[in-house]
Amino acid sequence: MAVLLQLIENAAVAGVVGLVVSGAMGLIAFAAAVLIRIRALSAFAVRRAMPRHFVVAAVLGLVAYVLGPIVAVVYMLVSGDTQNVQTGYQAAAAADWWSLVLALVAGAIITPLGERGSSAGFSRTHFSPATKPGSRSS
């Protein structure tokens, strides 16, 4: 995918496509794990979120927003690496309002769902004692 993204000349389009694809790959991996293992979603720790979960997520998101630049500067000072790997995402956010909306939806919803889904699909099918070979969850 990294090779194909380099073929897109518009940096904003490449940023949106990169965000969507990164989330879609995780969602596809999760769907494959669910279909292959033939289990209920509860076997993958998928359950309804409580209102307090959203509050905690918002607070942690704000903490990450504040600490992110500080950690980045410390990393750059310690390592000397000043490469910006998010130029496509930044270009998408700065291009126009449609691009910004697509980048927000892809980066704030699709990508985290894909990352969570792929990690749940992997960890629950490989490391959970409740998913021993031959056992079935309903």
C-alpha atoms as a PDB file:
ATOM      1  CA  MET A   1       0.000   0.000   0.000  1.00  0.00           C
ATOM      2  CA  ALA A   2       2.860   2.383   0.770  1.00  0.00           C
ATOM      3  CA  VAL A   3       4.102   1.997  -2.809  1.00  0.00           C
ATOM      4  CA  LEU A   4       0.653   2.690  -4.274  1.00  0.00           C
ATOM      5  CA  LEU A   5       0.137   5.788  -2.112  1.00  0.00           C
ATOM      6  CA  GLN A   6       3.279   7.312  -3.600  1.00  0.00           C
ATOM      7  CA  LEU A   7       1.622   7.179  -7.027  1.00  0.00           C
ATOM      8  CA  ILE A   8      -1.086   9.635  -5.907  1.00  0.00           C
ATOM      9  CA  GLU A   9       0.156  13.097  -6.870  1.00  0.00           C
ATOM     10  CA  ASN A  10      -2.247  15.137  -4.733  1.00  0.00           C
ATOM     11  CA  ALA A  11      -0.969  15.100  -1.136  1.00  0.00           C
ATOM     12  CA  ALA A  12      -4.435  15.757   0.310  1.00  0.00           C
ATOM     13  CA  VAL A  13      -5.968  12.839  -1.589  1.00  0.00           C
ATOM     14  CA  ALA A  14      -3.062  10.613  -0.572  1.00  0.00           C
ATOM     15  CA  GLY A  15      -3.612  11.584   3.073  1.00  0.00           C
ATOM     16  CA  VAL A  16      -7.326  10.763   3.016  1.00  0.00           C
ATOM     17  CA  VAL A  17      -6.740   7.516   1.126  1.00  0.00           C
ATOM     18  CA  GLY A  18      -3.995   6.547   3.578  1.00  0.00           C
ATOM     19  CA  LEU A  19      -6.281   7.104   6.558  1.00  0.00           C
ATOM     20  CA  VAL A  20      -9.189   5.217   5.013  1.00  0.00           C
ATOM     21  CA  VAL A  21      -7.019   2.294   3.921  1.00  0.00           C
ATOM     22  CA  SER A  22      -5.297   1.989   7.293  1.00  0.00           C
ATOM     23  CA  GLY A  23      -8.666   1.695   8.996  1.00  0.00           C
ATOM     24  CA  ALA A  24     -10.194  -0.531   6.329  1.00  0.00           C
ATOM     25  CA  MET A  25      -7.338  -3.036   6.551  1.00  0.00           C
ATOM     26  CA  GLY A  26      -7.928  -3.462  10.282  1.00  0.00           C
ATOM     27  CA  LEU A  27     -11.683  -3.816   9.816  1.00  0.00           C
ATOM     28  CA  ILE A  28     -11.150  -6.415   7.091  1.00  0.00           C
ATOM     29  CA  ALA A  29      -8.749  -8.330   9.354  1.00  0.00           C
ATOM     30  CA  PHE A  30     -11.316  -8.255  12.169  1.00  0.00           C
ATOM     31  CA  ALA A  31     -14.114  -9.410   9.854  1.00  0.00           C
ATOM     32  CA  ALA A  32     -11.907 -12.265   8.659  1.00  0.00           C
ATOM     33  CA  ALA A  33     -11.178 -13.286  12.264  1.00  0.00           C
ATOM     34  CA  VAL A  34     -14.884 -13.250  13.123  1.00  0.00           C
ATOM     35  CA  LEU A  35     -15.830 -15.214  10.001  1.00  0.00           C
ATOM     36  CA  ILE A  36     -13.007 -17.735  10.235  1.00  0.00           C
ATOM     37  CA  ARG A  37     -13.398 -18.373  13.959  1.00  0.00           C
ATOM     38  CA  ILE A  38     -17.232 -18.326  13.739  1.00  0.00           C
ATOM     39  CA  ARG A  39     -17.708 -16.613  17.087  1.00  0.00           C
ATOM     40  CA  ALA A  40     -20.061 -14.042  18.532  1.00  0.00           C
ATOM     41  CA  LEU A  41     -18.703 -10.502  18.781  1.00  0.00           C
ATOM     42  CA  SER A  42     -18.638 -10.842  22.581  1.00  0.00           C
ATOM     43  CA  ALA A  43     -15.810 -13.372  22.174  1.00  0.00           C
ATOM     44  CA  PHE A  44     -13.760 -10.498  20.755  1.00  0.00           C
ATOM     45  CA  ALA A  45     -14.551  -8.224  23.728  1.00  0.00           C
ATOM     46  CA  VAL A  46     -16.973  -6.129  21.657  1.00  0.00           C
ATOM     47  CA  ARG A  47     -19.607  -4.669  23.939  1.00  0.00           C
ATOM     48  CA  ARG A  48     -21.711  -1.531  24.308  1.00  0.00           C
ATOM     49  CA  ALA A  49     -19.837   1.559  25.495  1.00  0.00           C
ATOM     50  CA  MET A  50     -21.055   3.330  28.601  1.00  0.00           C
ATOM     51  CA  PRO A  51     -21.250   7.162  28.758  1.00  0.00           C
ATOM     52  CA  ARG A  52     -18.278   7.237  31.148  1.00  0.00           C
ATOM     53  CA  HIS A  53     -16.184   5.460  28.501  1.00  0.00           C
ATOM     54  CA  PHE A  54     -16.771   8.383  26.145  1.00  0.00           C
ATOM     55  CA  VAL A  55     -15.803  10.883  28.845  1.00  0.00           C
ATOM     56  CA  VAL A  56     -12.612   8.971  29.642  1.00  0.00           C
ATOM     57  CA  ALA A  57     -11.808   8.717  25.919  1.00  0.00           C
ATOM     58  CA  ALA A  58     -12.318  12.458  25.425  1.00  0.00           C
ATOM     59  CA  VAL A  59     -10.089  13.303  28.402  1.00  0.00           C
ATOM     60  CA  LEU A  60      -7.375  10.916  27.244  1.00  0.00           C
ATOM     61  CA  GLY A  61      -7.646  12.346  23.731  1.00  0.00           C
ATOM     62  CA  LEU A  62      -7.078  15.862  25.090  1.00  0.00           C
ATOM     63  CA  VAL A  63      -4.113  14.652  27.153  1.00  0.00           C
ATOM     64  CA  ALA A  64      -2.623  13.038  24.036  1.00  0.00           C
ATOM     65  CA  TYR A  65      -3.271  16.234  22.059  1.00  0.00           C
ATOM     66  CA  VAL A  66      -1.342  18.275  24.634  1.00  0.00           C
ATOM     67  CA  LEU A  67       1.458  15.784  25.257  1.00  0.00           C
ATOM     68  CA  GLY A  68       1.932  14.753  21.603  1.00  0.00           C
ATOM     69  CA  PRO A  69       3.913  17.812  20.501  1.00  0.00           C
ATOM     70  CA  ILE A  70       6.024  17.707  23.664  1.00  0.00           C
ATOM     71  CA  VAL A  71       6.922  14.055  23.111  1.00  0.00           C
ATOM     72  CA  ALA A  72       7.629  14.766  19.419  1.00  0.00           C
ATOM     73  CA  VAL A  73      10.023  17.603  20.255  1.00  0.00           C
ATOM     74  CA  VAL A  74      11.828  15.485  22.870  1.00  0.00           C
ATOM     75  CA  TYR A  75      12.116  12.635  20.355  1.00  0.00           C
ATOM     76  CA  MET A  76      13.518  14.976  17.690  1.00  0.00           C
ATOM     77  CA  LEU A  77      16.042  16.456  20.121  1.00  0.00           C
ATOM     78  CA  VAL A  78      17.200  13.048  21.338  1.00  0.00           C
ATOM     79  CA  SER A  79      17.246  11.212  17.987  1.00  0.00           C
ATOM     80  CA  GLY A  80      17.909  14.015  15.506  1.00  0.00           C
ATOM     81  CA  ASP A  81      15.107  12.593  13.318  1.00  0.00           C
ATOM     82  CA  THR A  82      13.045  15.516  12.022  1.00  0.00           C
ATOM     83  CA  GLN A  83      11.129  13.684   9.296  1.00  0.00           C
ATOM     84  CA  ASN A  84       7.401  14.485   9.273  1.00  0.00           C
ATOM     85  CA  VAL A  85       5.531  11.265   8.447  1.00  0.00           C
ATOM     86  CA  GLN A  86       2.126  12.954   8.644  1.00  0.00           C
ATOM     87  CA  THR A  87       2.477  15.412   5.765  1.00  0.00           C
ATOM     88  CA  GLY A  88      -0.288  13.665   3.803  1.00  0.00           C
ATOM     89  CA  TYR A  89      -2.683  13.858   6.736  1.00  0.00           C
ATOM     90  CA  GLN A  90      -1.842  17.518   7.312  1.00  0.00           C
ATOM     91  CA  ALA A  91      -2.318  18.266   3.613  1.00  0.00           C
ATOM     92  CA  ALA A  92      -5.722  16.570   3.733  1.00  0.00           C
ATOM     93  CA  ALA A  93      -6.764  18.665   6.733  1.00  0.00           C
ATOM     94  CA  ALA A  94      -5.611  21.896   5.097  1.00  0.00           C
ATOM     95  CA  ALA A  95      -6.892  21.341   1.529  1.00  0.00           C
ATOM     96  CA  ASP A  96     -10.622  22.146   1.658  1.00  0.00           C
ATOM     97  CA  TRP A  97     -13.576  21.428   3.920  1.00  0.00           C
ATOM     98  CA  TRP A  98     -14.515  18.132   2.195  1.00  0.00           C
ATOM     99  CA  SER A  99     -10.993  16.884   2.579  1.00  0.00           C
ATOM    100  CA  LEU A 100     -10.972  17.965   6.225  1.00  0.00           C
ATOM    101  CA  VAL A 101     -14.262  16.153   6.917  1.00  0.00           C
ATOM    102  CA  LEU A 102     -13.053  12.988   5.196  1.00  0.00           C
ATOM    103  CA  ALA A 103      -9.751  13.127   7.079  1.00  0.00           C
ATOM    104  CA  LEU A 104     -11.570  13.594  10.400  1.00  0.00           C
ATOM    105  CA  VAL A 105     -13.983  10.713   9.749  1.00  0.00           C
ATOM    106  CA  ALA A 106     -11.203   8.443   8.507  1.00  0.00           C
ATOM    107  CA  GLY A 107      -8.677   9.427  11.173  1.00  0.00           C
ATOM    108  CA  ALA A 108     -10.989   9.719  14.169  1.00  0.00           C
ATOM    109  CA  ILE A 109     -13.460   6.913  13.463  1.00  0.00           C
ATOM    110  CA  ILE A 110     -12.433   4.424  10.775  1.00  0.00           C
ATOM    111  CA  THR A 111      -8.736   4.078  11.675  1.00  0.00           C
ATOM    112  CA  PRO A 112      -9.253   3.595  15.446  1.00  0.00           C
ATOM    113  CA  LEU A 113     -12.047   1.082  14.796  1.00  0.00           C
ATOM    114  CA  GLY A 114      -9.794  -0.787  12.392  1.00  0.00           C
ATOM    115  CA  GLU A 115      -6.881  -0.787  14.823  1.00  0.00           C
ATOM    116  CA  ARG A 116      -9.081  -1.960  17.687  1.00  0.00           C
ATOM    117  CA  GLY A 117     -10.725  -4.574  15.521  1.00  0.00           C
ATOM    118  CA  SER A 118      -7.502  -6.032  14.219  1.00  0.00           C
ATOM    119  CA  SER A 119      -5.923  -6.185  17.676  1.00  0.00           C
ATOM    120  CA  ALA A 120      -9.067  -7.744  19.159  1.00  0.00           C
ATOM    121  CA  GLY A 121      -9.248 -10.249  16.328  1.00  0.00           C
ATOM    122  CA  PHE A 122      -5.623 -11.223  16.765  1.00  0.00           C
ATOM    123  CA  SER A 123      -5.327 -11.214  20.534  1.00  0.00           C
ATOM    124  CA  ARG A 124      -8.650 -12.898  21.208  1.00  0.00           C
ATOM    125  CA  THR A 125      -8.088 -15.656  18.673  1.00  0.00           C
ATOM    126  CA  HIS A 126      -4.490 -16.378  19.661  1.00  0.00           C
ATOM    127  CA  PHE A 127      -4.054 -15.581  23.340  1.00  0.00           C
ATOM    128  CA  SER A 128      -7.395 -15.880  25.082  1.00  0.00           C
ATOM    129  CA  PRO A 129      -7.978 -19.063  27.098  1.00  0.00           C
ATOM    130  CA  ALA A 130     -11.688 -18.783  26.215  1.00  0.00           C
ATOM    131  CA  THR A 131     -10.863 -19.381  22.547  1.00  0.00           C
ATOM    132  CA  LYS A 132      -9.084 -22.731  22.764  1.00  0.00           C
ATOM    133  CA  PRO A 133      -9.151 -24.731  19.547  1.00  0.00           C
ATOM    134  CA  GLY A 134     -12.405 -26.635  19.327  1.00  0.00           C
ATOM    135  CA  SER A 135     -14.269 -24.422  21.819  1.00  0.00           C
ATOM    136  CA  ARG A 136     -17.267 -22.387  20.649  1.00  0.00           C
ATOM    137  CA  SER A 137     -18.592 -19.117  22.010  1.00  0.00           C
ATOM    138  CA  SER A 138     -22.137 -18.034  21.465  1.00  0.00           C
END
